[in-house]
């Protein structure tokens, strides 16, 4: 609400709030809702498979993208755990 009224002067902060914070919550809530709906509708195996594959494919996509862009996944690991 503050961002839409122009109360936050930094456009990068507005972008972070709108896409980073709000986007993350809506994405996770959709994932959670779909998982719960599958469980409640009597498909616990499908729900578990959906959750497992969503996580594995999501994380795998990061490593594949890193490999395609930089030829190795080592730079991803180096960036997340500086020594």
N, C-alpha and C. Protein backbone atom coordinates (compact mmCIF):
# COMPACT_ATOMS: atom_id res chain seq x y z
N UNK A 1 0.83 -1.18 0.00
CA UNK A 1 0.00 0.00 0.00
C UNK A 1 0.87 1.25 0.00
N UNK A 2 1.92 1.23 0.81
CA UNK A 2 2.83 2.38 0.84
C UNK A 2 3.51 2.58 -0.51
N UNK A 3 3.88 1.48 -1.14
CA UNK A 3 4.55 1.57 -2.44
C UNK A 3 3.61 2.14 -3.50
N UNK A 4 2.36 1.74 -3.47
CA UNK A 4 1.43 2.21 -4.50
C UNK A 4 1.06 3.68 -4.30
N UNK A 5 1.18 4.19 -3.09
CA UNK A 5 0.86 5.59 -2.82
C UNK A 5 2.07 6.50 -2.99
N UNK A 6 3.21 5.93 -3.34
CA UNK A 6 4.40 6.74 -3.56
C UNK A 6 5.12 7.12 -2.28
N UNK A 7 4.82 6.44 -1.18
CA UNK A 7 5.46 6.75 0.10
C UNK A 7 6.87 6.19 0.20
N UNK A 8 7.21 5.29 -0.69
CA UNK A 8 8.56 4.72 -0.71
C UNK A 8 9.27 5.28 -1.94
N UNK A 9 10.24 6.17 -1.73
CA UNK A 9 10.87 6.84 -2.87
C UNK A 9 11.83 5.99 -3.70
N UNK A 10 12.37 4.93 -3.13
CA UNK A 10 13.36 4.11 -3.82
C UNK A 10 12.66 3.09 -4.72
N UNK A 11 12.77 3.22 -6.06
CA UNK A 11 12.08 2.27 -6.95
C UNK A 11 12.59 0.84 -6.84
N UNK A 12 13.86 0.65 -6.45
CA UNK A 12 14.38 -0.70 -6.29
C UNK A 12 13.74 -1.38 -5.07
N UNK A 13 13.50 -0.60 -4.02
CA UNK A 13 12.85 -1.15 -2.84
C UNK A 13 11.40 -1.51 -3.16
N UNK A 14 10.74 -0.68 -3.94
CA UNK A 14 9.36 -0.95 -4.36
C UNK A 14 9.32 -2.25 -5.17
N UNK A 15 10.25 -2.41 -6.10
CA UNK A 15 10.32 -3.62 -6.92
C UNK A 15 10.55 -4.85 -6.04
N UNK A 16 11.46 -4.72 -5.08
CA UNK A 16 11.74 -5.83 -4.16
C UNK A 16 10.48 -6.21 -3.37
N UNK A 17 9.79 -5.22 -2.86
CA UNK A 17 8.59 -5.50 -2.07
C UNK A 17 7.49 -6.14 -2.90
N UNK A 18 7.29 -5.63 -4.11
CA UNK A 18 6.20 -6.14 -4.95
C UNK A 18 6.50 -7.51 -5.53
N UNK A 19 7.68 -7.70 -6.07
CA UNK A 19 7.98 -8.98 -6.73
C UNK A 19 8.69 -9.96 -5.81
N UNK A 20 9.58 -9.47 -4.99
CA UNK A 20 10.33 -10.36 -4.10
C UNK A 20 9.49 -10.89 -2.97
N UNK A 21 8.96 -10.00 -2.16
CA UNK A 21 8.19 -10.43 -0.99
C UNK A 21 6.81 -10.95 -1.40
N UNK A 22 6.03 -10.14 -2.07
CA UNK A 22 4.66 -10.55 -2.45
C UNK A 22 4.68 -11.72 -3.43
N UNK A 23 5.58 -11.70 -4.38
CA UNK A 23 5.66 -12.80 -5.34
C UNK A 23 6.03 -14.11 -4.67
N UNK A 24 6.94 -14.05 -3.73
CA UNK A 24 7.34 -15.26 -3.00
C UNK A 24 6.20 -15.83 -2.18
N UNK A 25 5.45 -14.97 -1.50
CA UNK A 25 4.33 -15.46 -0.70
C UNK A 25 3.23 -16.05 -1.56
N UNK A 26 2.93 -15.43 -2.69
CA UNK A 26 1.85 -15.97 -3.52
C UNK A 26 2.27 -17.27 -4.18
N UNK A 27 3.53 -17.38 -4.55
CA UNK A 27 4.01 -18.63 -5.15
C UNK A 27 3.94 -19.76 -4.13
N UNK A 28 4.42 -19.50 -2.91
CA UNK A 28 4.39 -20.54 -1.88
C UNK A 28 2.96 -20.88 -1.49
N UNK A 29 2.10 -19.88 -1.40
CA UNK A 29 0.72 -20.18 -1.00
C UNK A 29 0.02 -21.01 -2.06
N UNK A 30 0.32 -20.79 -3.32
CA UNK A 30 -0.25 -21.62 -4.39
C UNK A 30 0.25 -23.06 -4.26
N UNK A 31 1.53 -23.21 -4.03
CA UNK A 31 2.13 -24.54 -3.84
C UNK A 31 1.47 -25.24 -2.65
N UNK A 32 1.32 -24.54 -1.54
CA UNK A 32 0.72 -25.12 -0.35
C UNK A 32 -0.75 -25.48 -0.58
N UNK A 33 -1.49 -24.58 -1.23
CA UNK A 33 -2.91 -24.83 -1.51
C UNK A 33 -3.10 -26.05 -2.41
N UNK A 34 -2.30 -26.13 -3.47
CA UNK A 34 -2.41 -27.28 -4.37
C UNK A 34 -2.06 -28.58 -3.65
N UNK A 35 -1.05 -28.54 -2.81
CA UNK A 35 -0.66 -29.73 -2.06
C UNK A 35 -1.77 -30.15 -1.10
N UNK A 36 -2.31 -29.20 -0.36
CA UNK A 36 -3.37 -29.50 0.60
C UNK A 36 -4.63 -30.00 -0.12
N UNK A 37 -4.96 -29.40 -1.25
CA UNK A 37 -6.14 -29.82 -2.00
C UNK A 37 -6.00 -31.26 -2.46
N UNK A 38 -4.82 -31.62 -2.94
CA UNK A 38 -4.59 -33.00 -3.36
C UNK A 38 -4.73 -33.96 -2.17
N UNK A 39 -4.18 -33.59 -1.03
CA UNK A 39 -4.26 -34.44 0.16
C UNK A 39 -5.71 -34.60 0.60
N UNK A 40 -6.45 -33.49 0.67
CA UNK A 40 -7.84 -33.53 1.13
C UNK A 40 -8.75 -34.29 0.18
N UNK A 41 -8.40 -34.29 -1.09
CA UNK A 41 -9.24 -34.97 -2.07
C UNK A 41 -8.91 -36.46 -2.18
N UNK A 42 -8.09 -36.94 -1.26
CA UNK A 42 -7.81 -38.36 -1.21
C UNK A 42 -6.69 -38.83 -2.12
N UNK A 43 -5.77 -37.93 -2.45
CA UNK A 43 -4.64 -38.28 -3.31
C UNK A 43 -3.31 -37.98 -2.60
N UNK A 44 -3.05 -38.59 -1.45
CA UNK A 44 -1.82 -38.27 -0.72
C UNK A 44 -0.55 -38.64 -1.49
N UNK A 45 -0.57 -39.73 -2.25
CA UNK A 45 0.61 -40.12 -3.02
C UNK A 45 0.91 -39.10 -4.12
N UNK A 46 -0.14 -38.65 -4.79
CA UNK A 46 0.04 -37.63 -5.83
C UNK A 46 0.53 -36.33 -5.20
N UNK A 47 -0.02 -35.97 -4.02
CA UNK A 47 0.40 -34.75 -3.33
C UNK A 47 1.88 -34.82 -2.96
N UNK A 48 2.30 -35.96 -2.42
CA UNK A 48 3.70 -36.12 -2.04
C UNK A 48 4.61 -36.05 -3.27
N UNK A 49 4.20 -36.70 -4.34
CA UNK A 49 4.98 -36.67 -5.58
C UNK A 49 5.07 -35.25 -6.12
N UNK A 50 3.94 -34.54 -6.09
CA UNK A 50 3.91 -33.15 -6.54
C UNK A 50 4.87 -32.28 -5.73
N UNK A 51 4.83 -32.44 -4.40
CA UNK A 51 5.71 -31.64 -3.54
C UNK A 51 7.18 -31.98 -3.79
N UNK A 52 7.48 -33.26 -3.84
CA UNK A 52 8.85 -33.70 -4.05
C UNK A 52 9.40 -33.24 -5.39
N UNK A 53 8.62 -33.45 -6.45
CA UNK A 53 9.08 -33.05 -7.78
C UNK A 53 9.19 -31.54 -7.92
N UNK A 54 8.28 -30.80 -7.29
CA UNK A 54 8.35 -29.34 -7.36
C UNK A 54 9.66 -28.83 -6.77
N UNK A 55 10.03 -29.39 -5.64
CA UNK A 55 11.28 -28.96 -4.99
C UNK A 55 12.49 -29.41 -5.81
N UNK A 56 12.51 -30.68 -6.20
CA UNK A 56 13.67 -31.19 -6.94
C UNK A 56 13.84 -30.49 -8.29
N UNK A 57 12.75 -30.29 -9.01
CA UNK A 57 12.84 -29.63 -10.32
C UNK A 57 13.23 -28.17 -10.14
N UNK A 58 12.69 -27.51 -9.12
CA UNK A 58 13.04 -26.11 -8.87
C UNK A 58 14.52 -25.92 -8.56
N UNK A 59 15.03 -26.73 -7.66
CA UNK A 59 16.46 -26.63 -7.31
C UNK A 59 17.32 -27.11 -8.48
N UNK A 60 16.88 -28.15 -9.15
CA UNK A 60 17.62 -28.64 -10.31
C UNK A 60 17.71 -27.61 -11.42
N UNK A 61 16.64 -26.84 -11.60
CA UNK A 61 16.65 -25.80 -12.62
C UNK A 61 17.72 -24.75 -12.35
N UNK A 62 17.96 -24.47 -11.07
CA UNK A 62 19.02 -23.51 -10.72
C UNK A 62 20.38 -24.05 -11.16
N UNK A 63 20.66 -25.29 -10.86
CA UNK A 63 21.95 -25.88 -11.23
C UNK A 63 22.10 -26.00 -12.75
N UNK A 64 21.03 -26.38 -13.43
CA UNK A 64 21.08 -26.48 -14.90
C UNK A 64 21.33 -25.11 -15.51
N UNK A 65 20.64 -24.10 -15.01
CA UNK A 65 20.84 -22.74 -15.52
C UNK A 65 22.26 -22.27 -15.28
N UNK A 66 22.78 -22.55 -14.10
CA UNK A 66 24.17 -22.18 -13.79
C UNK A 66 25.13 -22.88 -14.75
N UNK A 67 24.89 -24.15 -15.02
CA UNK A 67 25.76 -24.89 -15.92
C UNK A 67 25.68 -24.35 -17.34
N UNK A 68 24.47 -24.05 -17.81
CA UNK A 68 24.29 -23.55 -19.17
C UNK A 68 24.93 -22.17 -19.32
N UNK A 69 24.77 -21.33 -18.31
CA UNK A 69 25.30 -19.96 -18.41
C UNK A 69 26.80 -19.86 -18.18
N UNK A 70 27.31 -20.68 -17.27
CA UNK A 70 28.71 -20.53 -16.89
C UNK A 70 29.56 -21.78 -17.13
N UNK A 71 28.94 -22.86 -17.59
CA UNK A 71 29.69 -24.07 -17.89
C UNK A 71 30.02 -24.92 -16.70
N UNK A 72 29.62 -24.49 -15.52
CA UNK A 72 29.88 -25.25 -14.30
C UNK A 72 28.89 -24.84 -13.23
N UNK A 73 28.64 -25.70 -12.29
CA UNK A 73 27.79 -25.33 -11.16
C UNK A 73 28.62 -24.91 -9.96
N UNK A 74 29.95 -24.94 -10.11
CA UNK A 74 30.82 -24.57 -8.99
C UNK A 74 30.66 -23.11 -8.61
N UNK A 75 30.43 -22.22 -9.58
CA UNK A 75 30.32 -20.81 -9.24
C UNK A 75 29.11 -20.55 -8.36
N UNK A 76 28.03 -21.33 -8.52
CA UNK A 76 26.88 -21.19 -7.67
C UNK A 76 27.23 -21.55 -6.24
N UNK A 77 27.94 -22.66 -6.07
CA UNK A 77 28.34 -23.08 -4.74
C UNK A 77 29.33 -22.10 -4.12
N UNK A 78 30.22 -21.58 -4.91
CA UNK A 78 31.20 -20.61 -4.40
C UNK A 78 30.51 -19.32 -3.97
N UNK A 79 29.49 -18.89 -4.71
CA UNK A 79 28.80 -17.64 -4.37
C UNK A 79 27.96 -17.76 -3.11
N UNK A 80 27.46 -18.95 -2.81
CA UNK A 80 26.60 -19.08 -1.63
C UNK A 80 27.38 -19.38 -0.36
N UNK A 81 28.60 -19.89 -0.50
CA UNK A 81 29.41 -20.21 0.68
C UNK A 81 30.83 -19.64 0.50
N UNK A 82 30.95 -18.31 0.64
CA UNK A 82 32.30 -17.74 0.47
C UNK A 82 33.24 -18.22 1.56
N UNK A 83 34.50 -18.41 1.18
CA UNK A 83 35.48 -18.91 2.14
C UNK A 83 36.42 -17.84 2.56
